[in-house]
Amino acid sequence: MKTAEKELLLSEVSEVLISKDENVTLSFVISIVSVIMIVLFLFVPKIYISNNIYQTSIEIEKLKKDYLSLKDENNILKNKIATLKYKNGVTH
């Protein structure tokens, strides 16, 4: 690009940037804040509920794992008790 082309491009970009309406009215700000509040009002409960469901499912899985390990341990202890009863019955 030549210098003249660069200057022309720069001047056109400057005109576009300067010609923007930079007046922000109160109604525009109120409408933007209203939209943000509506979006938050709609999505925060969904996020909260989804997070609660996720945390509860993690707790349920942990409890299931603990239950299964305790059930297996109970079976092992029952087998040990049966073995000890058999040994004591045979020796006495």
N, C-alpha and C. Protein backbone atom coordinates (compact mmCIF):
# COMPACT_ATOMS: atom_id res chain seq x y z
N MET A 1 0.82 -1.19 0.00
CA MET A 1 0.00 0.00 0.00
C MET A 1 0.87 1.25 0.00
N LYS A 2 0.44 2.17 -0.77
CA LYS A 2 1.16 3.44 -0.82
C LYS A 2 0.73 4.33 0.32
N THR A 3 1.53 5.33 0.56
CA THR A 3 1.27 6.25 1.66
C THR A 3 -0.06 6.98 1.45
N ALA A 4 -0.34 7.37 0.22
CA ALA A 4 -1.59 8.09 -0.07
C ALA A 4 -2.79 7.20 0.23
N GLU A 5 -2.69 5.92 -0.14
CA GLU A 5 -3.79 4.98 0.13
C GLU A 5 -3.98 4.79 1.64
N LYS A 6 -2.86 4.71 2.35
CA LYS A 6 -2.94 4.55 3.80
C LYS A 6 -3.60 5.76 4.45
N GLU A 7 -3.23 6.96 4.00
CA GLU A 7 -3.82 8.17 4.56
C GLU A 7 -5.30 8.26 4.24
N LEU A 8 -5.68 7.87 3.02
CA LEU A 8 -7.09 7.88 2.63
C LEU A 8 -7.88 6.91 3.50
N LEU A 9 -7.34 5.71 3.69
CA LEU A 9 -7.99 4.71 4.52
C LEU A 9 -8.10 5.19 5.97
N LEU A 10 -7.05 5.79 6.48
CA LEU A 10 -7.05 6.32 7.84
C LEU A 10 -8.07 7.45 7.99
N SER A 11 -8.18 8.29 7.01
CA SER A 11 -9.15 9.39 7.09
C SER A 11 -10.57 8.86 7.03
N GLU A 12 -10.83 7.84 6.22
CA GLU A 12 -12.17 7.26 6.15
C GLU A 12 -12.54 6.57 7.47
N VAL A 13 -11.60 5.86 8.07
CA VAL A 13 -11.85 5.20 9.35
C VAL A 13 -12.11 6.25 10.43
N SER A 14 -11.35 7.33 10.41
CA SER A 14 -11.54 8.41 11.38
C SER A 14 -12.92 9.04 11.23
N GLU A 15 -13.37 9.24 9.98
CA GLU A 15 -14.69 9.81 9.74
C GLU A 15 -15.79 8.91 10.30
N VAL A 16 -15.64 7.62 10.10
CA VAL A 16 -16.64 6.68 10.59
C VAL A 16 -16.66 6.69 12.12
N LEU A 17 -15.49 6.70 12.72
CA LEU A 17 -15.43 6.70 14.18
C LEU A 17 -15.96 8.00 14.77
N ILE A 18 -15.66 9.11 14.16
CA ILE A 18 -16.08 10.40 14.68
C ILE A 18 -17.58 10.60 14.44
N SER A 19 -18.09 10.11 13.32
CA SER A 19 -19.50 10.35 12.98
C SER A 19 -20.46 9.50 13.82
N LYS A 20 -19.96 8.58 14.63
CA LYS A 20 -20.84 7.78 15.49
C LYS A 20 -21.56 8.70 16.46
N ASP A 21 -22.81 8.34 16.74
CA ASP A 21 -23.59 9.11 17.71
C ASP A 21 -23.16 8.64 19.09
N GLU A 22 -22.54 9.53 19.84
CA GLU A 22 -22.02 9.15 21.14
C GLU A 22 -22.95 9.58 22.27
N ASN A 23 -24.15 9.98 21.93
CA ASN A 23 -25.11 10.37 22.96
C ASN A 23 -25.78 9.12 23.51
N VAL A 24 -25.61 8.90 24.79
CA VAL A 24 -26.24 7.77 25.47
C VAL A 24 -27.36 8.35 26.31
N THR A 25 -28.58 8.00 25.94
CA THR A 25 -29.71 8.55 26.66
C THR A 25 -30.05 7.69 27.87
N LEU A 26 -30.80 8.27 28.76
CA LEU A 26 -31.22 7.57 29.97
C LEU A 26 -32.11 6.37 29.63
N SER A 27 -32.96 6.53 28.64
CA SER A 27 -33.83 5.42 28.25
C SER A 27 -33.03 4.25 27.69
N PHE A 28 -31.96 4.58 26.98
CA PHE A 28 -31.09 3.51 26.45
C PHE A 28 -30.43 2.74 27.60
N VAL A 29 -29.93 3.45 28.59
CA VAL A 29 -29.29 2.82 29.74
C VAL A 29 -30.30 1.99 30.52
N ILE A 30 -31.50 2.54 30.72
CA ILE A 30 -32.54 1.80 31.44
C ILE A 30 -32.93 0.54 30.68
N SER A 31 -33.04 0.63 29.37
CA SER A 31 -33.40 -0.56 28.59
C SER A 31 -32.30 -1.62 28.66
N ILE A 32 -31.06 -1.22 28.62
CA ILE A 32 -29.95 -2.18 28.71
C ILE A 32 -29.94 -2.84 30.08
N VAL A 33 -30.09 -2.04 31.13
CA VAL A 33 -30.12 -2.59 32.49
C VAL A 33 -31.32 -3.53 32.65
N SER A 34 -32.45 -3.17 32.07
CA SER A 34 -33.64 -4.02 32.14
C SER A 34 -33.41 -5.36 31.46
N VAL A 35 -32.80 -5.33 30.31
CA VAL A 35 -32.51 -6.58 29.59
C VAL A 35 -31.55 -7.45 30.40
N ILE A 36 -30.55 -6.85 30.98
CA ILE A 36 -29.60 -7.60 31.80
C ILE A 36 -30.31 -8.21 33.01
N MET A 37 -31.19 -7.46 33.66
CA MET A 37 -31.92 -7.97 34.81
C MET A 37 -32.84 -9.12 34.42
N ILE A 38 -33.50 -8.99 33.29
CA ILE A 38 -34.39 -10.07 32.82
C ILE A 38 -33.59 -11.33 32.54
N VAL A 39 -32.47 -11.17 31.87
CA VAL A 39 -31.62 -12.33 31.57
C VAL A 39 -31.13 -12.98 32.86
N LEU A 40 -30.70 -12.17 33.81
CA LEU A 40 -30.26 -12.72 35.10
C LEU A 40 -31.42 -13.40 35.82
N PHE A 41 -32.58 -12.78 35.79
CA PHE A 41 -33.75 -13.34 36.46
C PHE A 41 -34.12 -14.70 35.86
N LEU A 42 -33.90 -14.86 34.56
CA LEU A 42 -34.25 -16.13 33.90
C LEU A 42 -33.18 -17.20 34.09
N PHE A 43 -31.92 -16.81 34.08
CA PHE A 43 -30.87 -17.82 34.05
C PHE A 43 -30.25 -18.15 35.39
N VAL A 44 -30.28 -17.26 36.35
CA VAL A 44 -29.69 -17.56 37.66
C VAL A 44 -30.38 -18.73 38.35
N PRO A 45 -31.72 -18.79 38.37
CA PRO A 45 -32.36 -19.96 38.99
C PRO A 45 -32.00 -21.27 38.28
N LYS A 46 -31.91 -21.24 36.97
CA LYS A 46 -31.56 -22.45 36.22
C LYS A 46 -30.15 -22.90 36.58
N ILE A 47 -29.24 -21.96 36.66
CA ILE A 47 -27.86 -22.29 37.01
C ILE A 47 -27.80 -22.83 38.43
N TYR A 48 -28.55 -22.20 39.35
CA TYR A 48 -28.57 -22.65 40.74
C TYR A 48 -29.13 -24.07 40.84
N ILE A 49 -30.24 -24.33 40.16
CA ILE A 49 -30.85 -25.66 40.21
C ILE A 49 -29.94 -26.70 39.57
N SER A 50 -29.35 -26.37 38.45
CA SER A 50 -28.43 -27.30 37.80
C SER A 50 -27.25 -27.63 38.69
N ASN A 51 -26.72 -26.63 39.36
CA ASN A 51 -25.60 -26.84 40.27
C ASN A 51 -26.01 -27.72 41.44
N ASN A 52 -27.21 -27.48 41.99
CA ASN A 52 -27.70 -28.31 43.09
C ASN A 52 -27.89 -29.76 42.66
N ILE A 53 -28.43 -29.96 41.47
CA ILE A 53 -28.62 -31.32 40.96
C ILE A 53 -27.27 -32.01 40.80
N TYR A 54 -26.30 -31.29 40.28
CA TYR A 54 -24.96 -31.85 40.09
C TYR A 54 -24.34 -32.23 41.43
N GLN A 55 -24.41 -31.32 42.41
CA GLN A 55 -23.82 -31.61 43.72
C GLN A 55 -24.52 -32.78 44.39
N THR A 56 -25.85 -32.85 44.27
CA THR A 56 -26.59 -33.95 44.87
C THR A 56 -26.24 -35.27 44.20
N SER A 57 -26.07 -35.27 42.89
CA SER A 57 -25.70 -36.51 42.21
C SER A 57 -24.30 -36.97 42.62
N ILE A 58 -23.40 -36.02 42.87
CA ILE A 58 -22.06 -36.38 43.36
C ILE A 58 -22.17 -37.04 44.74
N GLU A 59 -23.00 -36.46 45.61
CA GLU A 59 -23.18 -37.03 46.95
C GLU A 59 -23.81 -38.42 46.87
N ILE A 60 -24.79 -38.58 45.98
CA ILE A 60 -25.45 -39.88 45.82
C ILE A 60 -24.45 -40.93 45.34
N GLU A 61 -23.62 -40.58 44.38
CA GLU A 61 -22.61 -41.53 43.88
C GLU A 61 -21.62 -41.90 44.98
N LYS A 62 -21.24 -40.94 45.79
CA LYS A 62 -20.31 -41.22 46.90
C LYS A 62 -20.98 -42.16 47.90
N LEU A 63 -22.23 -41.90 48.22
CA LEU A 63 -22.95 -42.77 49.15
C LEU A 63 -23.14 -44.18 48.58
N LYS A 64 -23.40 -44.27 47.28
CA LYS A 64 -23.52 -45.59 46.63
C LYS A 64 -22.21 -46.36 46.73
N LYS A 65 -21.12 -45.66 46.47
CA LYS A 65 -19.81 -46.30 46.54
C LYS A 65 -19.52 -46.77 47.96
N ASP A 66 -19.83 -45.93 48.94
CA ASP A 66 -19.64 -46.31 50.34
C ASP A 66 -20.52 -47.49 50.71
N TYR A 67 -21.77 -47.48 50.26
CA TYR A 67 -22.69 -48.57 50.55
C TYR A 67 -22.18 -49.90 49.99
N LEU A 68 -21.72 -49.85 48.73
CA LEU A 68 -21.22 -51.09 48.12
C LEU A 68 -19.97 -51.60 48.82
N SER A 69 -19.09 -50.70 49.22
CA SER A 69 -17.87 -51.15 49.91
C SER A 69 -18.22 -51.71 51.29
N LEU A 70 -19.17 -51.09 51.98
CA LEU A 70 -19.59 -51.61 53.29
C LEU A 70 -20.31 -52.95 53.14
N LYS A 71 -21.08 -53.10 52.08
CA LYS A 71 -21.77 -54.37 51.83
C LYS A 71 -20.75 -55.48 51.58
N ASP A 72 -19.73 -55.20 50.78
CA ASP A 72 -18.67 -56.18 50.53
C ASP A 72 -17.92 -56.51 51.82
N GLU A 73 -17.62 -55.48 52.61
CA GLU A 73 -16.92 -55.70 53.87
C GLU A 73 -17.78 -56.54 54.82
N ASN A 74 -19.09 -56.31 54.82
CA ASN A 74 -20.00 -57.09 55.64
C ASN A 74 -19.97 -58.57 55.22
N ASN A 75 -19.97 -58.81 53.91
CA ASN A 75 -19.90 -60.20 53.42
C ASN A 75 -18.59 -60.86 53.83
N ILE A 76 -17.50 -60.12 53.76
CA ILE A 76 -16.20 -60.66 54.16
C ILE A 76 -16.21 -61.00 55.65
N LEU A 77 -16.76 -60.09 56.46
CA LEU A 77 -16.83 -60.35 57.90
C LEU A 77 -17.74 -61.54 58.22
N LYS A 78 -18.85 -61.67 57.50
CA LYS A 78 -19.73 -62.83 57.71
C LYS A 78 -19.00 -64.12 57.39
N ASN A 79 -18.21 -64.11 56.32
CA ASN A 79 -17.44 -65.31 55.96
C ASN A 79 -16.40 -65.62 57.04
N LYS A 80 -15.74 -64.58 57.58
CA LYS A 80 -14.76 -64.81 58.64
C LYS A 80 -15.43 -65.37 59.89
N ILE A 81 -16.61 -64.83 60.22
CA ILE A 81 -17.34 -65.33 61.39
C ILE A 81 -17.74 -66.79 61.18
N ALA A 82 -18.23 -67.10 59.98
CA ALA A 82 -18.61 -68.49 59.70
C ALA A 82 -17.41 -69.41 59.78
N THR A 83 -16.26 -68.95 59.30
CA THR A 83 -15.04 -69.75 59.38
C THR A 83 -14.64 -69.96 60.83
N LEU A 84 -14.69 -68.91 61.65
CA LEU A 84 -14.34 -69.02 63.06
C LEU A 84 -15.32 -69.94 63.80
N LYS A 85 -16.60 -69.85 63.50
CA LYS A 85 -17.60 -70.73 64.14
C LYS A 85 -17.32 -72.17 63.76
N TYR A 86 -16.97 -72.42 62.51
CA TYR A 86 -16.68 -73.77 62.06
C TYR A 86 -15.44 -74.32 62.77
N LYS A 87 -14.39 -73.48 62.86
CA LYS A 87 -13.17 -73.90 63.54
C LYS A 87 -13.44 -74.19 65.01
N ASN A 88 -14.19 -73.28 65.65
CA ASN A 88 -14.50 -73.50 67.07
C ASN A 88 -15.40 -74.72 67.27
N GLY A 89 -16.30 -74.96 66.35
CA GLY A 89 -17.17 -76.14 66.45
C GLY A 89 -16.42 -77.43 66.24
N VAL A 90 -15.44 -77.41 65.39
CA VAL A 90 -14.66 -78.61 65.11
C VAL A 90 -13.71 -78.90 66.25
N THR A 91 -13.11 -77.89 66.82
CA THR A 91 -12.13 -78.12 67.88
C THR A 91 -12.76 -78.41 69.23
N HIS A 92 -13.98 -77.99 69.48
CA HIS A 92 -14.61 -78.21 70.78
C HIS A 92 -15.55 -79.34 70.71
